Structure formats: C-alpha cells, structure tokens
Amino acid sequence: PVHSGMAATLNFTDILVLHSYSPDYEWTQTIQSGIESVFHVQNKDYRMRTEYMDAGHSPQLLEGKHLLQLYKQKFSNSHFRVIIVSDNTAFDFLRQYRDELFPGVPVVFCGINGYEDSMIEGLKGFTGIAEDNDFLGFFTIITKLHPNLQRLVIYGTPGDSSYIANVNHIQKLLRDFQPTYQIEF
C-alpha cells in the first residue's frame, strides 16, 4: 500500500543541486539563484535539494572517501531524476562516484574550468556548460593598463580543482604569450 504522503511525493521530479563550495561564496549564490529562477517558477512539478560540498572552507573533506560515505547515508532513500553540479570539485566527484551513489542519474554541469570533451568520455548522461576564461585577453589588458607592472600573482587554493584547471590553462597560454611581467601562482 502507498501512504498518502508518499503518493504526493511521486508527483514531483526530485533534483539534486551539488555545489563545490559553500553558500557564502558569491559565485555559488549566483549559480543557485539562476537555477532557482528556472525551477521555482514551476515549483509544483519540481522539488530541489541543494547540497554544498564546502571545498573552499573544508578541503580535507575531499580527501579519502569522507564525502562518499556521508552522501551514501544522506541520500540512501533519495531518487533524483537529475543532478546539477557547479564547478570542478562537484563535477570531478560525480565523475568518480555518480554510478556508485546515483546509478544512471543524468548529470548537468556548469562552471567547469579547463573543460575538455575527454573529461566525460565514456560517461553516459553527462552534459553541461564549460566556463571559459579569457586569460589571454586579461593579460593583454593588464599590459595596457599597467605598462610598468613587474609581477602578477594569481591567488588560489592549491588543492582546489578549479584553481588547478585554471593554472594548467594559463601555463599552456604562456607557452605562446610572453608577458613583460612575471606571473606567479
């Protein structure tokens, strides 16, 4: 027999939004706001659950299988129709563990730095939008605005997958672009 409360939930399409960072990051707030602007208009059909991996504040949670074990317990009774991931950490996590946690559930990604088609090669049900930064244009503008610049420091957390992807992208660009200033990571 189906309980009356259970029957009501079957009318919804459950969506998981998995953010790499915490809700205090402005970028994460912007992505969440965009997602909500689409799905809240149709809230009678969709039920959204939002999870923050908090990779910026608690990178140690990404070591080992801490989050995998937590999510196994947390989502054991969940049946999502789609998972939306923002940024590289959540994307990388689901590339590795989606089939274990959410077998066959489609993943829609956004804000992926350093995206290449090979990142989803062999994975079924992954699609999304890459975040392409125009670092070459940025460096060119810096040269014009600050002609006497001697050193540019690019800040980031060394273990953060978005930062790593951006550094790799910049290092590839620097093979052909020789700025008049030193770039440090």
C-alpha atoms as a PDB file:
ATOM      1  CA  PRO A   1       0.000   0.000   0.000  1.00  0.00           C
ATOM      2  CA  VAL A   2       1.112   3.554  -0.744  1.00  0.00           C
ATOM      3  CA  HIS A   3       0.857   6.019   2.120  1.00  0.00           C
ATOM      4  CA  SER A   4      -0.916   9.259   1.282  1.00  0.00           C
ATOM      5  CA  GLY A   5       2.244  11.303   2.000  1.00  0.00           C
ATOM      6  CA  MET A   6       4.249   9.065  -0.309  1.00  0.00           C
ATOM      7  CA  ALA A   7       1.779   9.427  -3.166  1.00  0.00           C
ATOM      8  CA  ALA A   8       2.194  13.199  -3.065  1.00  0.00           C
ATOM      9  CA  THR A   9       5.960  12.937  -3.459  1.00  0.00           C
ATOM     10  CA  LEU A  10       5.627  10.790  -6.557  1.00  0.00           C
ATOM     11  CA  ASN A  11       4.150  13.759  -8.410  1.00  0.00           C
ATOM     12  CA  PHE A  12       7.415  15.680  -8.092  1.00  0.00           C
ATOM     13  CA  THR A  13      10.592  15.471 -10.073  1.00  0.00           C
ATOM     14  CA  ASP A  14      13.378  15.471  -7.485  1.00  0.00           C
ATOM     15  CA  ILE A  15      16.508  17.401  -8.436  1.00  0.00           C
ATOM     16  CA  LEU A  16      19.803  17.476  -6.574  1.00  0.00           C
ATOM     17  CA  VAL A  17      21.956  20.584  -6.893  1.00  0.00           C
ATOM     18  CA  LEU A  18      25.513  19.826  -5.800  1.00  0.00           C
ATOM     19  CA  HIS A  19      27.736  22.867  -5.346  1.00  0.00           C
ATOM     20  CA  SER A  20      31.507  22.617  -4.952  1.00  0.00           C
ATOM     21  CA  TYR A  21      31.616  25.485  -2.497  1.00  0.00           C
ATOM     22  CA  SER A  22      29.551  26.933   0.338  1.00  0.00           C
ATOM     23  CA  PRO A  23      26.597  29.323   0.144  1.00  0.00           C
ATOM     24  CA  ASP A  24      28.750  32.250   1.328  1.00  0.00           C
ATOM     25  CA  TYR A  25      30.636  32.290  -1.999  1.00  0.00           C
ATOM     26  CA  GLU A  26      29.124  34.944  -4.257  1.00  0.00           C
ATOM     27  CA  TRP A  27      29.702  32.802  -7.354  1.00  0.00           C
ATOM     28  CA  THR A  28      27.806  29.900  -5.769  1.00  0.00           C
ATOM     29  CA  GLN A  29      24.976  32.247  -4.774  1.00  0.00           C
ATOM     30  CA  THR A  30      24.710  33.458  -8.361  1.00  0.00           C
ATOM     31  CA  ILE A  31      24.558  29.922  -9.770  1.00  0.00           C
ATOM     32  CA  GLN A  32      21.972  28.873  -7.178  1.00  0.00           C
ATOM     33  CA  SER A  33      19.882  31.955  -7.919  1.00  0.00           C
ATOM     34  CA  GLY A  34      19.932  31.132 -11.631  1.00  0.00           C
ATOM     35  CA  ILE A  35      18.861  27.544 -11.010  1.00  0.00           C
ATOM     36  CA  GLU A  36      16.083  28.648  -8.668  1.00  0.00           C
ATOM     37  CA  SER A  37      14.821  31.243 -11.138  1.00  0.00           C
ATOM     38  CA  VAL A  38      14.052  28.422 -13.572  1.00  0.00           C
ATOM     39  CA  PHE A  39      12.729  25.741 -11.245  1.00  0.00           C
ATOM     40  CA  HIS A  40      10.861  27.799  -8.656  1.00  0.00           C
ATOM     41  CA  VAL A  41       8.521  29.109 -11.346  1.00  0.00           C
ATOM     42  CA  GLN A  42       7.460  25.505 -11.848  1.00  0.00           C
ATOM     43  CA  ASN A  43       7.640  24.506  -8.178  1.00  0.00           C
ATOM     44  CA  LYS A  44       4.507  22.384  -8.387  1.00  0.00           C
ATOM     45  CA  ASP A  45       6.418  19.948 -10.614  1.00  0.00           C
ATOM     46  CA  TYR A  46       9.941  20.054  -9.172  1.00  0.00           C
ATOM     47  CA  ARG A  47      11.443  19.617  -5.756  1.00  0.00           C
ATOM     48  CA  MET A  48      15.010  20.783  -5.414  1.00  0.00           C
ATOM     49  CA  ARG A  49      17.512  19.661  -2.803  1.00  0.00           C
ATOM     50  CA  THR A  50      20.708  21.697  -2.546  1.00  0.00           C
ATOM     51  CA  GLU A  51      23.960  20.347  -1.140  1.00  0.00           C
ATOM     52  CA  TYR A  52      27.184  22.286  -0.594  1.00  0.00           C
ATOM     53  CA  MET A  53      30.463  20.328  -0.631  1.00  0.00           C
ATOM     54  CA  ASP A  54      32.253  23.279   1.026  1.00  0.00           C
ATOM     55  CA  ALA A  55      35.532  22.588  -0.774  1.00  0.00           C
ATOM     56  CA  GLY A  56      36.838  26.094  -0.121  1.00  0.00           C
ATOM     57  CA  HIS A  57      36.469  26.025   3.655  1.00  0.00           C
ATOM     58  CA  SER A  58      36.892  22.295   4.303  1.00  0.00           C
ATOM     59  CA  PRO A  59      39.123  20.775   1.604  1.00  0.00           C
ATOM     60  CA  GLN A  60      40.041  17.940   3.975  1.00  0.00           C
ATOM     61  CA  LEU A  61      36.552  16.508   3.429  1.00  0.00           C
ATOM     62  CA  LEU A  62      37.568  15.734  -0.147  1.00  0.00           C
ATOM     63  CA  GLU A  63      40.460  13.561   0.970  1.00  0.00           C
ATOM     64  CA  GLY A  64      39.741   9.867   1.064  1.00  0.00           C
ATOM     65  CA  LYS A  65      36.111   8.824   0.948  1.00  0.00           C
ATOM     66  CA  HIS A  66      34.597  11.023   3.673  1.00  0.00           C
ATOM     67  CA  LEU A  67      32.039  12.672   1.412  1.00  0.00           C
ATOM     68  CA  LEU A  68      31.286   9.441  -0.415  1.00  0.00           C
ATOM     69  CA  GLN A  69      30.347   7.749   2.867  1.00  0.00           C
ATOM     70  CA  LEU A  70      28.362  10.763   4.059  1.00  0.00           C
ATOM     71  CA  TYR A  71      26.418  11.008   0.802  1.00  0.00           C
ATOM     72  CA  LYS A  72      25.746   7.271   0.753  1.00  0.00           C
ATOM     73  CA  GLN A  73      23.976   7.645   4.086  1.00  0.00           C
ATOM     74  CA  LYS A  74      22.428  11.031   3.406  1.00  0.00           C
ATOM     75  CA  PHE A  75      20.939  10.151   0.017  1.00  0.00           C
ATOM     76  CA  SER A  76      20.221   6.437   0.508  1.00  0.00           C
ATOM     77  CA  ASN A  77      16.452   6.979   0.229  1.00  0.00           C
ATOM     78  CA  SER A  78      16.581   9.675  -2.450  1.00  0.00           C
ATOM     79  CA  HIS A  79      15.558   9.149  -6.057  1.00  0.00           C
ATOM     80  CA  PHE A  80      16.764  12.085  -8.121  1.00  0.00           C
ATOM     81  CA  ARG A  81      15.807  12.474 -11.770  1.00  0.00           C
ATOM     82  CA  VAL A  82      18.751  14.794 -12.459  1.00  0.00           C
ATOM     83  CA  ILE A  83      21.771  16.213 -10.649  1.00  0.00           C
ATOM     84  CA  ILE A  84      23.049  19.717 -11.373  1.00  0.00           C
ATOM     85  CA  VAL A  85      26.678  20.316 -10.366  1.00  0.00           C
ATOM     86  CA  SER A  86      28.513  23.606 -10.194  1.00  0.00           C
ATOM     87  CA  ASP A  87      32.249  23.934 -10.595  1.00  0.00           C
ATOM     88  CA  ASN A  88      35.011  21.385 -10.917  1.00  0.00           C
ATOM     89  CA  THR A  89      35.061  19.824  -7.463  1.00  0.00           C
ATOM     90  CA  ALA A  90      31.443  18.636  -7.616  1.00  0.00           C
ATOM     91  CA  PHE A  91      31.910  17.658 -11.275  1.00  0.00           C
ATOM     92  CA  ASP A  92      35.023  15.603 -10.511  1.00  0.00           C
ATOM     93  CA  PHE A  93      33.330  13.995  -7.507  1.00  0.00           C
ATOM     94  CA  LEU A  94      30.359  12.836  -9.575  1.00  0.00           C
ATOM     95  CA  ARG A  95      32.533  11.688 -12.454  1.00  0.00           C
ATOM     96  CA  GLN A  96      34.151   9.346  -9.953  1.00  0.00           C
ATOM     97  CA  TYR A  97      31.188   8.365  -7.756  1.00  0.00           C
ATOM     98  CA  ARG A  98      27.934   9.012  -9.645  1.00  0.00           C
ATOM     99  CA  ASP A  99      27.437   5.371 -10.602  1.00  0.00           C
ATOM    100  CA  GLU A 100      28.010   4.271  -7.019  1.00  0.00           C
ATOM    101  CA  LEU A 101      25.777   6.922  -5.428  1.00  0.00           C
ATOM    102  CA  PHE A 102      23.193   7.660  -8.099  1.00  0.00           C
ATOM    103  CA  PRO A 103      23.316   4.930 -10.774  1.00  0.00           C
ATOM    104  CA  GLY A 104      22.183   6.194 -14.152  1.00  0.00           C
ATOM    105  CA  VAL A 105      21.018   9.617 -12.924  1.00  0.00           C
ATOM    106  CA  PRO A 106      21.847  12.284 -15.537  1.00  0.00           C
ATOM    107  CA  VAL A 107      24.331  14.992 -14.540  1.00  0.00           C
ATOM    108  CA  VAL A 108      24.174  18.559 -15.859  1.00  0.00           C
ATOM    109  CA  PHE A 109      27.312  20.555 -15.085  1.00  0.00           C
ATOM    110  CA  CYS A 110      28.063  24.268 -15.150  1.00  0.00           C
ATOM    111  CA  GLY A 111      31.082  26.431 -14.461  1.00  0.00           C
ATOM    112  CA  ILE A 112      33.688  23.821 -15.356  1.00  0.00           C
ATOM    113  CA  ASN A 113      37.165  25.300 -15.768  1.00  0.00           C
ATOM    114  CA  GLY A 114      39.591  23.728 -18.224  1.00  0.00           C
ATOM    115  CA  TYR A 115      36.853  21.603 -19.775  1.00  0.00           C
ATOM    116  CA  GLU A 116      37.768  19.153 -22.497  1.00  0.00           C
ATOM    117  CA  ASP A 117      35.470  16.592 -24.138  1.00  0.00           C
ATOM    118  CA  SER A 118      37.738  13.832 -22.858  1.00  0.00           C
ATOM    119  CA  MET A 119      36.561  14.649 -19.309  1.00  0.00           C
ATOM    120  CA  ILE A 120      33.229  12.951 -19.983  1.00  0.00           C
ATOM    121  CA  GLU A 121      34.432  10.373 -22.476  1.00  0.00           C
ATOM    122  CA  GLY A 122      32.915   7.024 -21.581  1.00  0.00           C
ATOM    123  CA  LEU A 123      30.444   8.563 -19.128  1.00  0.00           C
ATOM    124  CA  LYS A 124      26.785   8.284 -20.044  1.00  0.00           C
ATOM    125  CA  GLY A 125      24.349  11.010 -19.078  1.00  0.00           C
ATOM    126  CA  PHE A 126      26.817  13.877 -18.541  1.00  0.00           C
ATOM    127  CA  THR A 127      26.235  17.205 -20.269  1.00  0.00           C
ATOM    128  CA  GLY A 128      26.652  20.845 -19.442  1.00  0.00           C
ATOM    129  CA  ILE A 129      28.389  24.154 -19.911  1.00  0.00           C
ATOM    130  CA  ALA A 130      32.080  24.925 -19.528  1.00  0.00           C
ATOM    131  CA  GLU A 131      33.418  28.141 -18.079  1.00  0.00           C
ATOM    132  CA  ASP A 132      35.973  29.532 -20.489  1.00  0.00           C
ATOM    133  CA  ASN A 133      38.056  32.344 -19.056  1.00  0.00           C
ATOM    134  CA  ASP A 134      39.755  34.742 -21.433  1.00  0.00           C
ATOM    135  CA  PHE A 135      43.079  34.825 -19.635  1.00  0.00           C
ATOM    136  CA  LEU A 136      44.941  35.939 -22.754  1.00  0.00           C
ATOM    137  CA  GLY A 137      42.645  38.956 -23.082  1.00  0.00           C
ATOM    138  CA  PHE A 138      43.029  39.604 -19.358  1.00  0.00           C
ATOM    139  CA  PHE A 139      46.833  39.577 -19.582  1.00  0.00           C
ATOM    140  CA  THR A 140      46.770  41.827 -22.644  1.00  0.00           C
ATOM    141  CA  ILE A 141      44.556  44.387 -20.889  1.00  0.00           C
ATOM    142  CA  ILE A 142      46.791  44.294 -17.802  1.00  0.00           C
ATOM    143  CA  THR A 143      49.783  45.099 -20.015  1.00  0.00           C
ATOM    144  CA  LYS A 144      47.966  48.123 -21.455  1.00  0.00           C
ATOM    145  CA  LEU A 145      46.576  49.378 -18.146  1.00  0.00           C
ATOM    146  CA  HIS A 146      49.766  48.793 -16.160  1.00  0.00           C
ATOM    147  CA  PRO A 147      52.714  49.073 -18.549  1.00  0.00           C
ATOM    148  CA  ASN A 148      55.229  49.143 -15.669  1.00  0.00           C
ATOM    149  CA  LEU A 149      53.847  46.051 -13.963  1.00  0.00           C
ATOM    150  CA  GLN A 150      56.632  43.720 -12.869  1.00  0.00           C
ATOM    151  CA  ARG A 151      54.781  40.892 -11.161  1.00  0.00           C
ATOM    152  CA  LEU A 152      51.273  39.430 -11.224  1.00  0.00           C
ATOM    153  CA  VAL A 153      50.263  36.955  -8.536  1.00  0.00           C
ATOM    154  CA  ILE A 154      47.366  34.611  -9.258  1.00  0.00           C
ATOM    155  CA  TYR A 155      45.882  33.506  -5.976  1.00  0.00           C
ATOM    156  CA  GLY A 156      44.130  30.217  -5.318  1.00  0.00           C
ATOM    157  CA  THR A 157      43.973  27.171  -3.112  1.00  0.00           C
ATOM    158  CA  PRO A 158      46.484  24.608  -4.425  1.00  0.00           C
ATOM    159  CA  GLY A 159      44.156  21.642  -3.834  1.00  0.00           C
ATOM    160  CA  ASP A 160      41.111  23.274  -5.451  1.00  0.00           C
ATOM    161  CA  SER A 161      40.281  21.602  -8.760  1.00  0.00           C
ATOM    162  CA  SER A 162      39.066  24.866 -10.368  1.00  0.00           C
ATOM    163  CA  TYR A 163      42.294  26.605  -9.428  1.00  0.00           C
ATOM    164  CA  ILE A 164      44.339  23.674 -10.751  1.00  0.00           C
ATOM    165  CA  ALA A 165      42.399  23.732 -14.045  1.00  0.00           C
ATOM    166  CA  ASN A 166      42.930  27.495 -14.394  1.00  0.00           C
ATOM    167  CA  VAL A 167      46.657  27.213 -13.638  1.00  0.00           C
ATOM    168  CA  ASN A 168      47.030  24.466 -16.259  1.00  0.00           C
ATOM    169  CA  HIS A 169      45.156  26.589 -18.798  1.00  0.00           C
ATOM    170  CA  ILE A 170      47.280  29.657 -18.058  1.00  0.00           C
ATOM    171  CA  GLN A 171      50.510  27.663 -18.268  1.00  0.00           C
ATOM    172  CA  LYS A 172      49.503  26.425 -21.734  1.00  0.00           C
ATOM    173  CA  LEU A 173      48.791  30.014 -22.814  1.00  0.00           C
ATOM    174  CA  LEU A 174      52.136  31.216 -21.503  1.00  0.00           C
ATOM    175  CA  ARG A 175      53.947  28.946 -23.959  1.00  0.00           C
ATOM    176  CA  ASP A 176      52.915  31.328 -26.764  1.00  0.00           C
ATOM    177  CA  PHE A 177      52.279  34.541 -24.833  1.00  0.00           C
ATOM    178  CA  GLN A 178      55.314  36.133 -23.237  1.00  0.00           C
ATOM    179  CA  PRO A 179      54.159  38.926 -20.909  1.00  0.00           C
ATOM    180  CA  THR A 180      56.528  41.716 -19.935  1.00  0.00           C
ATOM    181  CA  TYR A 181      55.883  40.898 -16.294  1.00  0.00           C
ATOM    182  CA  GLN A 182      56.380  37.801 -14.138  1.00  0.00           C
ATOM    183  CA  ILE A 183      53.341  35.613 -13.408  1.00  0.00           C
ATOM    184  CA  GLU A 184      53.361  33.695 -10.127  1.00  0.00           C
ATOM    185  CA  PHE A 185      50.871  31.187  -8.826  1.00  0.00           C
END
